[in-house]
PDB file of N, CA and C in Angstrom:
ATOM      1  N   UNK A   1      13.969  -4.713 -28.936  1.00  0.00           N
ATOM      2  CA  UNK A   1      13.641  -3.687 -27.951  1.00  0.00           C
ATOM      3  C   UNK A   1      13.749  -4.105 -26.680  1.00  0.00           C
ATOM      4  N   UNK A   2      14.679  -3.409 -25.619  1.00  0.00           N
ATOM      5  CA  UNK A   2      14.690  -3.924 -24.320  1.00  0.00           C
ATOM      6  C   UNK A   2      13.891  -3.225 -23.540  1.00  0.00           C
ATOM      7  N   UNK A   3      13.383  -4.317 -22.660  1.00  0.00           N
ATOM      8  CA  UNK A   3      12.159  -3.715 -21.497  1.00  0.00           C
ATOM      9  C   UNK A   3      12.950  -3.189 -20.521  1.00  0.00           C
ATOM     10  N   UNK A   4      12.665  -2.078 -20.014  1.00  0.00           N
ATOM     11  CA  UNK A   4      13.199  -1.582 -18.748  1.00  0.00           C
ATOM     12  C   UNK A   4      12.182  -2.091 -17.586  1.00  0.00           C
ATOM     13  N   UNK A   5      12.914  -3.150 -16.887  1.00  0.00           N
ATOM     14  CA  UNK A   5      12.131  -3.691 -15.626  1.00  0.00           C
ATOM     15  C   UNK A   5      11.864  -2.842 -14.352  1.00  0.00           C
ATOM     16  N   UNK A   6      12.832  -1.860 -14.299  1.00  0.00           N
ATOM     17  CA  UNK A   6      12.505  -1.188 -13.155  1.00  0.00           C
ATOM     18  C   UNK A   6      11.185   0.008 -12.972  1.00  0.00           C
ATOM     19  N   UNK A   7      11.301   0.251 -14.547  1.00  0.00           N
ATOM     20  CA  UNK A   7      10.140   1.290 -14.810  1.00  0.00           C
ATOM     21  C   UNK A   7       8.948   0.534 -14.664  1.00  0.00           C
ATOM     22  N   UNK A   8       9.218  -0.523 -15.467  1.00  0.00           N
ATOM     23  CA  UNK A   8       7.965  -1.665 -15.499  1.00  0.00           C
ATOM     24  C   UNK A   8       7.108  -1.992 -14.189  1.00  0.00           C
ATOM     25  N   UNK A   9       8.194  -2.217 -13.353  1.00  0.00           N
ATOM     26  CA  UNK A   9       7.539  -2.690 -11.721  1.00  0.00           C
ATOM     27  C   UNK A   9       7.071  -1.583 -11.028  1.00  0.00           C
ATOM     28  N   UNK A  10       7.767  -0.188 -11.209  1.00  0.00           N
ATOM     29  CA  UNK A  10       6.995   1.126 -10.684  1.00  0.00           C
ATOM     30  C   UNK A  10       5.678   1.214 -11.568  1.00  0.00           C
ATOM     31  N   UNK A  11       5.660   1.170 -12.761  1.00  0.00           N
ATOM     32  CA  UNK A  11       4.188   1.626 -13.261  1.00  0.00           C
ATOM     33  C   UNK A  11       3.183   0.450 -12.902  1.00  0.00           C
ATOM     34  N   UNK A  12       3.534  -0.858 -12.919  1.00  0.00           N
ATOM     35  CA  UNK A  12       2.713  -1.735 -12.372  1.00  0.00           C
ATOM     36  C   UNK A  12       2.429  -1.513 -10.961  1.00  0.00           C
ATOM     37  N   UNK A  13       3.161  -1.206  -9.818  1.00  0.00           N
ATOM     38  CA  UNK A  13       2.860  -0.854  -8.623  1.00  0.00           C
ATOM     39  C   UNK A  13       1.978   0.065  -8.335  1.00  0.00           C
ATOM     40  N   UNK A  14       2.051   1.358  -9.075  1.00  0.00           N
ATOM     41  CA  UNK A  14       1.072   2.474  -9.266  1.00  0.00           C
ATOM     42  C   UNK A  14      -0.279   2.132  -9.738  1.00  0.00           C
ATOM     43  N   UNK A  15      -0.117   1.447 -10.850  1.00  0.00           N
ATOM     44  CA  UNK A  15      -1.535   0.878 -11.168  1.00  0.00           C
ATOM     45  C   UNK A  15      -2.345  -0.049 -10.468  1.00  0.00           C
ATOM     46  N   UNK A  16      -1.603  -0.770  -9.692  1.00  0.00           N
ATOM     47  CA  UNK A  16      -2.300  -1.661  -8.716  1.00  0.00           C
ATOM     48  C   UNK A  16      -2.797  -0.845  -7.254  1.00  0.00           C
ATOM     49  N   UNK A  17      -1.754   0.014  -6.938  1.00  0.00           N
ATOM     50  CA  UNK A  17      -2.254   1.108  -5.801  1.00  0.00           C
ATOM     51  C   UNK A  17      -3.512   1.510  -6.208  1.00  0.00           C
ATOM     52  N   UNK A  18      -3.777   2.083  -7.410  1.00  0.00           N
ATOM     53  CA  UNK A  18      -5.004   2.825  -7.746  1.00  0.00           C
ATOM     54  C   UNK A  18      -6.113   2.270  -8.045  1.00  0.00           C
ATOM     55  N   UNK A  19      -5.790   0.736  -8.719  1.00  0.00           N
ATOM     56  CA  UNK A  19      -6.974   0.105  -9.054  1.00  0.00           C
ATOM     57  C   UNK A  19      -7.457  -0.432  -7.654  1.00  0.00           C
ATOM     58  N   UNK A  20      -6.881  -1.055  -6.803  1.00  0.00           N
ATOM     59  CA  UNK A  20      -7.146  -1.643  -5.565  1.00  0.00           C
ATOM     60  C   UNK A  20      -8.199  -0.413  -4.978  1.00  0.00           C
ATOM     61  N   UNK A  21      -7.780   0.931  -5.043  1.00  0.00           N
ATOM     62  CA  UNK A  21      -8.329   1.804  -4.254  1.00  0.00           C
ATOM     63  C   UNK A  21      -9.964   1.822  -4.671  1.00  0.00           C
ATOM     64  N   UNK A  22     -10.260   1.164  -5.710  1.00  0.00           N
ATOM     65  CA  UNK A  22     -11.645   1.510  -6.107  1.00  0.00           C
ATOM     66  C   UNK A  22     -12.529   0.581  -5.355  1.00  0.00           C
ATOM     67  N   UNK A  23     -12.209  -0.294  -4.610  1.00  0.00           N
ATOM     68  CA  UNK A  23     -12.889  -1.325  -3.513  1.00  0.00           C
ATOM     69  C   UNK A  23     -11.785  -1.481  -2.749  1.00  0.00           C
ATOM     70  N   UNK A  24     -11.389  -0.578  -1.642  1.00  0.00           N
ATOM     71  CA  UNK A  24     -10.357  -0.907  -0.709  1.00  0.00           C
ATOM     72  C   UNK A  24     -10.696  -2.395   0.137  1.00  0.00           C
ATOM     73  N   UNK A  25     -11.731  -2.661   0.219  1.00  0.00           N
ATOM     74  CA  UNK A  25     -11.937  -3.971   1.067  1.00  0.00           C
ATOM     75  C   UNK A  25     -11.379  -4.936  -0.014  1.00  0.00           C
ATOM     76  N   UNK A  26     -12.313  -5.281  -0.903  1.00  0.00           N
ATOM     77  CA  UNK A  26     -11.853  -6.572  -1.780  1.00  0.00           C
ATOM     78  C   UNK A  26     -10.679  -6.342  -2.391  1.00  0.00           C
ATOM     79  N   UNK A  27     -10.008  -4.838  -2.634  1.00  0.00           N
ATOM     80  CA  UNK A  27      -8.806  -4.725  -3.425  1.00  0.00           C
ATOM     81  C   UNK A  27      -7.623  -4.754  -2.398  1.00  0.00           C
ATOM     82  N   UNK A  28      -8.081  -5.060  -1.395  1.00  0.00           N
ATOM     83  CA  UNK A  28      -6.714  -4.830  -0.281  1.00  0.00           C
ATOM     84  C   UNK A  28      -5.567  -5.626  -0.446  1.00  0.00           C
ATOM     85  N   UNK A  29      -5.600  -7.023  -1.410  1.00  0.00           N
ATOM     86  CA  UNK A  29      -4.586  -7.750  -1.632  1.00  0.00           C
ATOM     87  C   UNK A  29      -3.945  -7.108  -2.767  1.00  0.00           C
ATOM     88  N   UNK A  30      -4.535  -6.065  -3.951  1.00  0.00           N
ATOM     89  CA  UNK A  30      -4.057  -5.706  -4.815  1.00  0.00           C
ATOM     90  C   UNK A  30      -3.342  -4.348  -4.468  1.00  0.00           C
ATOM     91  N   UNK A  31      -3.644  -3.735  -3.462  1.00  0.00           N
ATOM     92  CA  UNK A  31      -2.954  -2.751  -2.716  1.00  0.00           C
ATOM     93  C   UNK A  31      -1.606  -3.161  -2.262  1.00  0.00           C
ATOM     94  N   UNK A  32      -1.858  -4.090  -1.485  1.00  0.00           N
ATOM     95  CA  UNK A  32      -0.555  -4.662  -0.894  1.00  0.00           C
ATOM     96  C   UNK A  32       0.576  -5.098  -1.840  1.00  0.00           C
ATOM     97  N   UNK A  33      -0.008  -5.705  -2.963  1.00  0.00           N
ATOM     98  CA  UNK A  33       0.898  -6.260  -3.754  1.00  0.00           C
ATOM     99  C   UNK A  33       1.426  -4.694  -4.774  1.00  0.00           C
ATOM    100  N   UNK A  34       0.784  -3.739  -4.777  1.00  0.00           N
ATOM    101  CA  UNK A  34       1.113  -2.509  -5.500  1.00  0.00           C
ATOM    102  C   UNK A  34       2.396  -1.981  -4.782  1.00  0.00           C
ATOM    103  N   UNK A  35       2.008  -1.910  -3.347  1.00  0.00           N
ATOM    104  CA  UNK A  35       2.811  -1.222  -2.273  1.00  0.00           C
ATOM    105  C   UNK A  35       4.147  -2.159  -2.559  1.00  0.00           C
ATOM    106  N   UNK A  36       4.130  -3.288  -2.561  1.00  0.00           N
ATOM    107  CA  UNK A  36       5.202  -4.116  -2.498  1.00  0.00           C
ATOM    108  C   UNK A  36       6.159  -3.922  -3.638  1.00  0.00           C
ATOM    109  N   UNK A  37       5.462  -3.683  -5.178  1.00  0.00           N
ATOM    110  CA  UNK A  37       6.276  -3.668  -5.928  1.00  0.00           C
ATOM    111  C   UNK A  37       6.859  -2.168  -6.168  1.00  0.00           C
ATOM    112  N   UNK A  38       6.112  -1.055  -5.436  1.00  0.00           N
ATOM    113  CA  UNK A  38       6.836   0.261  -5.383  1.00  0.00           C
ATOM    114  C   UNK A  38       7.927   0.335  -4.474  1.00  0.00           C
ATOM    115  N   UNK A  39       7.683  -0.695  -3.265  1.00  0.00           N
ATOM    116  CA  UNK A  39       9.102  -0.641  -2.419  1.00  0.00           C
ATOM    117  C   UNK A  39      10.143  -1.189  -2.809  1.00  0.00           C
ATOM    118  N   UNK A  40       9.793  -2.462  -3.632  1.00  0.00           N
ATOM    119  CA  UNK A  40      11.035  -3.225  -4.469  1.00  0.00           C
ATOM    120  C   UNK A  40      11.628  -2.241  -5.322  1.00  0.00           C
ATOM    121  N   UNK A  41      10.896  -1.577  -6.280  1.00  0.00           N
ATOM    122  CA  UNK A  41      11.572  -0.363  -7.121  1.00  0.00           C
ATOM    123  C   UNK A  41      12.150   0.331  -6.305  1.00  0.00           C
ATOM    124  N   UNK A  42      11.762   1.097  -5.345  1.00  0.00           N
ATOM    125  CA  UNK A  42      12.452   2.216  -4.533  1.00  0.00           C
ATOM    126  C   UNK A  42      13.780   1.657  -4.064  1.00  0.00           C
ATOM    127  N   UNK A  43      13.938   0.240  -3.491  1.00  0.00           N
ATOM    128  CA  UNK A  43      15.224  -0.312  -3.159  1.00  0.00           C
ATOM    129  C   UNK A  43      16.045  -0.666  -4.159  1.00  0.00           C
ATOM    130  N   UNK A  44      15.717  -0.921  -5.380  1.00  0.00           N
ATOM    131  CA  UNK A  44      16.398  -1.104  -6.774  1.00  0.00           C
ATOM    132  C   UNK A  44      17.301  -0.132  -6.913  1.00  0.00           C
ATOM    133  N   UNK A  45      16.357   1.241  -7.325  1.00  0.00           N
ATOM    134  CA  UNK A  45      17.100   2.366  -7.420  1.00  0.00           C
ATOM    135  C   UNK A  45      17.810   3.146  -6.491  1.00  0.00           C
ATOM    136  N   UNK A  46      17.572   2.628  -5.317  1.00  0.00           N
ATOM    137  CA  UNK A  46      18.146   3.444  -4.063  1.00  0.00           C
ATOM    138  C   UNK A  46      17.702   4.554  -3.528  1.00  0.00           C
ATOM    139  N   UNK A  47      16.299   4.590  -3.706  1.00  0.00           N
ATOM    140  CA  UNK A  47      15.694   6.057  -3.619  1.00  0.00           C
ATOM    141  C   UNK A  47      15.948   6.413  -2.201  1.00  0.00           C
ATOM    142  N   UNK A  48      15.869   7.880  -2.176  1.00  0.00           N
ATOM    143  CA  UNK A  48      15.970   8.514  -0.811  1.00  0.00           C
ATOM    144  C   UNK A  48      14.940   8.187   0.280  1.00  0.00           C
ATOM    145  N   UNK A  49      13.986   7.978  -0.435  1.00  0.00           N
ATOM    146  CA  UNK A  49      12.358   7.527   0.314  1.00  0.00           C
ATOM    147  C   UNK A  49      12.234   6.039   0.663  1.00  0.00           C
ATOM    148  N   UNK A  50      13.113   5.169   0.358  1.00  0.00           N
ATOM    149  CA  UNK A  50      12.998   3.846   0.353  1.00  0.00           C
ATOM    150  C   UNK A  50      12.454   3.275   1.810  1.00  0.00           C
ATOM    151  N   UNK A  51      12.882   3.947   2.847  1.00  0.00           N
ATOM    152  CA  UNK A  51      12.396   3.527   4.163  1.00  0.00           C
ATOM    153  C   UNK A  51      10.686   4.088   4.257  1.00  0.00           C
ATOM    154  N   UNK A  52      10.630   5.054   3.723  1.00  0.00           N
ATOM    155  CA  UNK A  52       9.411   5.433   3.960  1.00  0.00           C
ATOM    156  C   UNK A  52       8.255   4.545   3.264  1.00  0.00           C
ATOM    157  N   UNK A  53       8.794   4.267   1.889  1.00  0.00           N
ATOM    158  CA  UNK A  53       7.895   3.180   1.163  1.00  0.00           C
ATOM    159  C   UNK A  53       7.820   2.029   2.094  1.00  0.00           C
ATOM    160  N   UNK A  54       8.905   1.491   2.778  1.00  0.00           N
ATOM    161  CA  UNK A  54       8.828   0.340   3.613  1.00  0.00           C
ATOM    162  C   UNK A  54       7.915   0.485   4.874  1.00  0.00           C
ATOM    163  N   UNK A  55       7.979   1.492   5.373  1.00  0.00           N
ATOM    164  CA  UNK A  55       6.945   1.690   6.550  1.00  0.00           C
ATOM    165  C   UNK A  55       5.549   1.547   6.040  1.00  0.00           C
ATOM    166  N   UNK A  56       5.137   2.347   4.912  1.00  0.00           N
ATOM    167  CA  UNK A  56       3.991   2.434   3.931  1.00  0.00           C
ATOM    168  C   UNK A  56       3.422   0.923   3.986  1.00  0.00           C
ATOM    169  N   UNK A  57       4.490   0.130   3.413  1.00  0.00           N
ATOM    170  CA  UNK A  57       4.052  -1.182   3.109  1.00  0.00           C
ATOM    171  C   UNK A  57       3.760  -2.066   4.409  1.00  0.00           C
ATOM    172  N   UNK A  58       4.648  -1.889   5.401  1.00  0.00           N
ATOM    173  CA  UNK A  58       4.432  -2.701   6.617  1.00  0.00           C
ATOM    174  C   UNK A  58       2.869  -2.169   7.243  1.00  0.00           C
ATOM    175  N   UNK A  59       2.622  -0.814   7.183  1.00  0.00           N
ATOM    176  CA  UNK A  59       1.384  -0.383   7.758  1.00  0.00           C
ATOM    177  C   UNK A  59       0.229  -0.955   6.998  1.00  0.00           C
ATOM    178  N   UNK A  60       0.470  -1.009   5.557  1.00  0.00           N
ATOM    179  CA  UNK A  60      -0.833  -1.698   4.868  1.00  0.00           C
ATOM    180  C   UNK A  60      -0.946  -2.862   5.135  1.00  0.00           C
ATOM    181  N   UNK A  61       0.081  -3.641   5.396  1.00  0.00           N
ATOM    182  CA  UNK A  61       0.026  -5.176   5.334  1.00  0.00           C
ATOM    183  C   UNK A  61      -0.456  -5.371   7.048  1.00  0.00           C
ATOM    184  N   UNK A  62      -0.053  -4.523   8.047  1.00  0.00           N
ATOM    185  CA  UNK A  62      -0.675  -4.956   9.435  1.00  0.00           C
ATOM    186  C   UNK A  62      -2.131  -4.527   9.143  1.00  0.00           C
ATOM    187  N   UNK A  63      -2.588  -3.480   8.527  1.00  0.00           N
ATOM    188  CA  UNK A  63      -3.920  -3.027   8.540  1.00  0.00           C
ATOM    189  C   UNK A  63      -4.757  -4.135   7.950  1.00  0.00           C
ATOM    190  N   UNK A  64      -4.235  -4.539   6.836  1.00  0.00           N
ATOM    191  CA  UNK A  64      -4.975  -5.629   6.004  1.00  0.00           C
ATOM    192  C   UNK A  64      -5.024  -6.972   6.919  1.00  0.00           C
ATOM    193  N   UNK A  65      -3.887  -7.446   7.641  1.00  0.00           N
ATOM    194  CA  UNK A  65      -3.893  -8.435   8.349  1.00  0.00           C
ATOM    195  C   UNK A  65      -5.152  -8.669   9.501  1.00  0.00           C
ATOM    196  N   UNK A  66      -4.983  -7.189   9.997  1.00  0.00           N
ATOM    197  CA  UNK A  66      -6.061  -6.776  11.428  1.00  0.00           C
ATOM    198  C   UNK A  66      -7.377  -6.796  10.661  1.00  0.00           C
ATOM    199  N   UNK A  67      -7.686  -6.278   9.542  1.00  0.00           N
ATOM    200  CA  UNK A  67      -8.917  -6.306   8.931  1.00  0.00           C
ATOM    201  C   UNK A  67      -9.548  -7.894   8.581  1.00  0.00           C
ATOM    202  N   UNK A  68      -8.677  -8.634   8.007  1.00  0.00           N
ATOM    203  CA  UNK A  68      -8.846  -9.931   7.679  1.00  0.00           C
ATOM    204  C   UNK A  68      -9.404 -10.807   9.094  1.00  0.00           C
ATOM    205  N   UNK A  69      -8.426 -10.414  10.305  1.00  0.00           N
ATOM    206  CA  UNK A  69      -8.625 -11.155  11.520  1.00  0.00           C
ATOM    207  C   UNK A  69     -10.189 -10.701  12.207  1.00  0.00           C
ATOM    208  N   UNK A  70     -10.332  -9.485  12.175  1.00  0.00           N
ATOM    209  CA  UNK A  70     -11.796  -8.766  12.634  1.00  0.00           C
ATOM    210  C   UNK A  70     -12.818  -9.373  11.880  1.00  0.00           C
ATOM    211  N   UNK A  71     -12.620  -9.572  10.530  1.00  0.00           N
ATOM    212  CA  UNK A  71     -13.724 -10.202   9.764  1.00  0.00           C
ATOM    213  C   UNK A  71     -13.896 -11.498   9.921  1.00  0.00           C
ATOM    214  N   UNK A  72     -12.918 -12.265  10.030  1.00  0.00           N
ATOM    215  CA  UNK A  72     -13.062 -13.687  10.521  1.00  0.00           C
ATOM    216  C   UNK A  72     -13.645 -13.874  11.870  1.00  0.00           C
ATOM    217  N   UNK A  73     -13.365 -12.914  12.705  1.00  0.00           N
ATOM    218  CA  UNK A  73     -14.086 -12.981  13.972  1.00  0.00           C
ATOM    219  C   UNK A  73     -15.552 -12.648  14.328  1.00  0.00           C
ATOM    220  N   UNK A  74     -16.000 -12.236  13.065  1.00  0.00           N
ATOM    221  CA  UNK A  74     -17.551 -11.760  12.830  1.00  0.00           C
ATOM    222  C   UNK A  74     -17.703 -10.205  12.835  1.00  0.00           C
ATOM    223  N   UNK A  75     -16.503  -9.697  12.789  1.00  0.00           N
ATOM    224  CA  UNK A  75     -16.843  -8.268  12.608  1.00  0.00           C
ATOM    225  C   UNK A  75     -16.925  -7.215  13.959  1.00  0.00           C
ATOM    226  N   UNK A  76     -17.263  -6.212  13.945  1.00  0.00           N
ATOM    227  CA  UNK A  76     -17.045  -5.303  14.811  1.00  0.00           C
ATOM    228  C   UNK A  76     -18.576  -4.893  15.596  1.00  0.00           C
ATOM    229  N   UNK A  77     -18.472  -4.930  16.803  1.00  0.00           N
ATOM    230  CA  UNK A  77     -19.811  -4.524  17.577  1.00  0.00           C
ATOM    231  C   UNK A  77     -20.647  -5.532  17.766  1.00  0.00           C
ATOM    232  N   UNK A  78     -21.314  -6.209  16.807  1.00  0.00           N
ATOM    233  CA  UNK A  78     -22.293  -7.335  16.907  1.00  0.00           C
ATOM    234  C   UNK A  78     -21.469  -8.644  17.046  1.00  0.00           C
ATOM    235  N   UNK A  79     -20.169  -8.676  16.455  1.00  0.00           N
ATOM    236  CA  UNK A  79     -19.245  -9.947  16.367  1.00  0.00           C
ATOM    237  C   UNK A  79     -18.754  -9.833  17.954  1.00  0.00           C
ATOM    238  N   UNK A  80     -17.851 -10.781  17.796  1.00  0.00           N
ATOM    239  CA  UNK A  80     -17.063 -11.009  19.071  1.00  0.00           C
ATOM    240  C   UNK A  80     -16.236  -9.773  19.638  1.00  0.00           C
ATOM    241  N   UNK A  81     -15.863  -8.883  18.930  1.00  0.00           N
ATOM    242  CA  UNK A  81     -15.077  -7.993  18.833  1.00  0.00           C
ATOM    243  C   UNK A  81     -15.607  -6.580  19.239  1.00  0.00           C
ATOM    244  N   UNK A  82     -15.142  -5.925  20.197  1.00  0.00           N
ATOM    245  CA  UNK A  82     -15.463  -4.448  20.480  1.00  0.00           C
ATOM    246  C   UNK A  82     -15.174  -3.456  19.389  1.00  0.00           C
ATOM    247  N   UNK A  83     -15.762  -2.334  19.316  1.00  0.00           N
ATOM    248  CA  UNK A  83     -15.507  -1.387  18.189  1.00  0.00           C
ATOM    249  C   UNK A  83     -14.197  -0.831  18.456  1.00  0.00           C
ATOM    250  N   UNK A  84     -13.401  -0.849  19.352  1.00  0.00           N
ATOM    251  CA  UNK A  84     -12.254  -0.415  19.810  1.00  0.00           C
ATOM    252  C   UNK A  84     -11.195  -1.154  18.690  1.00  0.00           C
ATOM    253  N   UNK A  85     -11.608  -1.975  18.109  1.00  0.00           N
ATOM    254  CA  UNK A  85     -10.559  -2.924  17.147  1.00  0.00           C
ATOM    255  C   UNK A  85     -10.390  -2.141  15.779  1.00  0.00           C
ATOM    256  N   UNK A  86     -11.318  -1.340  15.567  1.00  0.00           N
ATOM    257  CA  UNK A  86     -11.112  -0.693  14.584  1.00  0.00           C
ATOM    258  C   UNK A  86      -9.734   0.220  14.376  1.00  0.00           C
ATOM    259  N   UNK A  87      -9.094   0.330  15.443  1.00  0.00           N
ATOM    260  CA  UNK A  87      -8.062   0.986  15.420  1.00  0.00           C
ATOM    261  C   UNK A  87      -6.897   0.356  14.870  1.00  0.00           C
ATOM    262  N   UNK A  88      -6.983  -1.116  14.888  1.00  0.00           N
ATOM    263  CA  UNK A  88      -5.990  -1.844  14.376  1.00  0.00           C
ATOM    264  C   UNK A  88      -6.255  -1.998  12.782  1.00  0.00           C
ATOM    265  N   UNK A  89      -7.040  -1.273  12.299  1.00  0.00           N
ATOM    266  CA  UNK A  89      -7.419  -1.473  11.049  1.00  0.00           C
ATOM    267  C   UNK A  89      -6.805   0.003  10.374  1.00  0.00           C
ATOM    268  N   UNK A  90      -6.555   0.928  11.078  1.00  0.00           N
ATOM    269  CA  UNK A  90      -6.569   2.305  10.826  1.00  0.00           C
ATOM    270  C   UNK A  90      -4.928   2.339  10.081  1.00  0.00           C
ATOM    271  N   UNK A  91      -4.208   1.691  10.424  1.00  0.00           N
ATOM    272  CA  UNK A  91      -2.650   1.739   9.641  1.00  0.00           C
ATOM    273  C   UNK A  91      -3.024   1.274   8.118  1.00  0.00           C
ATOM    274  N   UNK A  92      -4.038   0.836   7.637  1.00  0.00           N
ATOM    275  CA  UNK A  92      -4.119   0.295   6.276  1.00  0.00           C
ATOM    276  C   UNK A  92      -4.124   1.470   5.536  1.00  0.00           C
ATOM    277  N   UNK A  93      -5.346   2.380   5.579  1.00  0.00           N
ATOM    278  CA  UNK A  93      -5.288   3.616   4.868  1.00  0.00           C
ATOM    279  C   UNK A  93      -4.212   4.562   5.138  1.00  0.00           C
ATOM    280  N   UNK A  94      -3.943   4.767   6.407  1.00  0.00           N
ATOM    281  CA  UNK A  94      -2.626   5.598   6.691  1.00  0.00           C
ATOM    282  C   UNK A  94      -1.674   5.136   5.859  1.00  0.00           C
ATOM    283  N   UNK A  95      -1.114   4.036   5.776  1.00  0.00           N
ATOM    284  CA  UNK A  95       0.066   3.319   4.866  1.00  0.00           C
ATOM    285  C   UNK A  95      -0.266   3.708   3.198  1.00  0.00           C
ATOM    286  N   UNK A  96      -1.711   3.524   2.814  1.00  0.00           N
ATOM    287  CA  UNK A  96      -1.713   3.795   1.490  1.00  0.00           C
ATOM    288  C   UNK A  96      -1.954   5.286   1.286  1.00  0.00           C
ATOM    289  N   UNK A  97      -2.231   6.142   2.135  1.00  0.00           N
ATOM    290  CA  UNK A  97      -2.268   7.795   1.759  1.00  0.00           C
ATOM    291  C   UNK A  97      -0.729   7.987   2.043  1.00  0.00           C
ATOM    292  N   UNK A  98       0.201   7.469   2.741  1.00  0.00           N
ATOM    293  CA  UNK A  98       1.621   7.672   2.962  1.00  0.00           C
ATOM    294  C   UNK A  98       2.203   7.260   1.424  1.00  0.00           C
ATOM    295  N   UNK A  99       1.888   6.157   0.944  1.00  0.00           N
ATOM    296  CA  UNK A  99       2.606   5.700  -0.169  1.00  0.00           C
ATOM    297  C   UNK A  99       2.151   6.434  -1.397  1.00  0.00           C
ATOM    298  N   UNK A 100       1.023   6.896  -1.564  1.00  0.00           N
ATOM    299  CA  UNK A 100       0.397   7.537  -2.740  1.00  0.00           C
ATOM    300  C   UNK A 100       0.803   9.091  -2.427  1.00  0.00           C
ATOM    301  N   UNK A 101       1.061   9.549  -1.438  1.00  0.00           N
ATOM    302  CA  UNK A 101       1.532  11.006  -1.068  1.00  0.00           C
ATOM    303  C   UNK A 101       2.921  10.953  -1.545  1.00  0.00           C
ATOM    304  N   UNK A 102       3.493  10.070  -1.116  1.00  0.00           N
ATOM    305  CA  UNK A 102       5.359   9.933  -1.478  1.00  0.00           C
ATOM    306  C   UNK A 102       5.351  10.119  -3.071  1.00  0.00           C
ATOM    307  N   UNK A 103       4.536   9.118  -3.666  1.00  0.00           N
ATOM    308  CA  UNK A 103       4.438   9.111  -5.235  1.00  0.00           C
ATOM    309  C   UNK A 103       4.069  10.387  -5.805  1.00  0.00           C
ATOM    310  N   UNK A 104       3.316  10.929  -5.319  1.00  0.00           N
ATOM    311  CA  UNK A 104       2.823  12.409  -5.901  1.00  0.00           C
ATOM    312  C   UNK A 104       3.805  13.447  -5.588  1.00  0.00           C
ATOM    313  N   UNK A 105       4.405  13.310  -4.423  1.00  0.00           N
ATOM    314  CA  UNK A 105       5.461  14.160  -4.089  1.00  0.00           C
ATOM    315  C   UNK A 105       6.521  14.077  -5.261  1.00  0.00           C
ATOM    316  N   UNK A 106       7.067  12.921  -5.108  1.00  0.00           N
ATOM    317  CA  UNK A 106       8.115  12.322  -6.427  1.00  0.00           C
ATOM    318  C   UNK A 106       7.933  12.858  -7.866  1.00  0.00           C
ATOM    319  N   UNK A 107       6.505  12.784  -7.914  1.00  0.00           N
ATOM    320  CA  UNK A 107       6.271  13.247  -9.263  1.00  0.00           C
ATOM    321  C   UNK A 107       6.188  14.746  -9.727  1.00  0.00           C
ATOM    322  N   UNK A 108       5.709  15.349  -8.511  1.00  0.00           N
ATOM    323  CA  UNK A 108       5.781  16.800  -8.697  1.00  0.00           C
ATOM    324  C   UNK A 108       7.271  17.500  -8.468  1.00  0.00           C
ATOM    325  N   UNK A 109       7.900  16.644  -7.931  1.00  0.00           N
ATOM    326  CA  UNK A 109       9.482  17.243  -7.955  1.00  0.00           C
ATOM    327  C   UNK A 109      10.322  16.628  -9.172  1.00  0.00           C
ATOM    328  N   UNK A 110       9.726  15.630  -9.936  1.00  0.00           N
ATOM    329  CA  UNK A 110      10.175  15.120 -11.026  1.00  0.00           C
ATOM    330  C   UNK A 110      11.527  14.365 -10.698  1.00  0.00           C
ATOM    331  N   UNK A 111      11.336  13.433  -9.679  1.00  0.00           N
ATOM    332  CA  UNK A 111      12.461  12.489  -9.258  1.00  0.00           C
ATOM    333  C   UNK A 111      12.301  11.313 -10.149  1.00  0.00           C
ATOM    334  N   UNK A 112      11.204  10.886 -10.711  1.00  0.00           N
ATOM    335  CA  UNK A 112      11.085   9.772 -11.599  1.00  0.00           C
ATOM    336  C   UNK A 112       9.889  10.333 -12.559  1.00  0.00           C
ATOM    337  N   UNK A 113      10.325   9.641 -13.884  1.00  0.00           N
ATOM    338  CA  UNK A 113       9.427   9.960 -14.872  1.00  0.00           C
ATOM    339  C   UNK A 113       8.706   8.371 -15.174  1.00  0.00           C
ATOM    340  N   UNK A 114       7.112   8.643 -15.470  1.00  0.00           N
ATOM    341  CA  UNK A 114       6.391   7.458 -15.807  1.00  0.00           C
ATOM    342  C   UNK A 114       6.730   7.247 -17.263  1.00  0.00           C
TER     343      UNK A 114
END
C-alpha cells in the first residue's frame, strides 16, 4: 500500500491546528507546527491560497514569539511591559483564524478531500 504523503501532511497539520486550540497558550507550538505543515502542503500542491497560508503562518509565528517575549519579561501590567504590548500578540489568533477559515472555505468548496 502506497502512502499519500501530501494528504498525510495536510491531515496532520489540521489535527495539530485543532489540538493546539484546546489550550492556545500551551499549544502555541503545536499550532505553529500545524500551520507550517498546512503551508508546506499548499506549496507542494501549488494551491491558489498558498500565499494566504504563508501569511497566516507568519502571523502565528510573530504572535507566538511576542507572547514568549512578553512572558519572559514578566507579563503585562504588573511586569515590566505596559498593557499596550498585548497588541503584539494579536497576530497569533488572527493568523490561526485566517488559516482555519481558509481550510473551512476550501472544504466547503470541495477543493480538497480529507
